Amino acid sequence: MNLLPIQIYDRFLPQCSPDTLIAYGCYLDQYLSKFDSDPLPAPVIAFDKYPFESPGADFRLYLVQLAIIRDKAAQYSRPGYRIPFWSVIQASPRQETTRAPYHPTPTFNQIRWQAYVSLGYGPRGSCTGRFGRRADRLRNRATAPRSSGATGR
């Protein structure tokens, strides 16, 4: 399950705290506790937090999110089954909103930094996705309103 990033804590429902860190921990608790009655815990936790998505990005939230996810994965793990977590590495340009300009593609050193910092928190894997103008065109095409008129065919 790819979970929400920490910076949009105001979207976690129900919100258990106005404090970002407590709210994110509560959000993870709500998801992970759904597996309490199952023989196995959550199969995996993945998250997106792109530290280079804007010039003023807060790197502290990136590091804190890694720590919270690591700790919650350990808390909800069971004997013989540790919940793995994956970090999604930003490797392509990003937009803050659909109307905002694209920020540059992260440099090799920025991608390497994300990988090494993630490894310091013990994920079982990391992955990346491709975002960009082509992905936007495909998304826009998929969500465009369809004509409801009959074609006669």
Foldseek 3Di string as FASTA:
>chain_A
DEDEALVVLVPQPPQPDPDSLVSVLVSLCVVQCVCVPPPFTDQEYEYEDEQVQDPPRDVVSVLSRLQSVLVSQQVSGDVPGGHAYEYEYQQAWHAPDPPGDTDHGDDPVSRVVVVVSSVVSPGPYYHYDYDDDVNVVVVCVVPPDDDPDDPPD
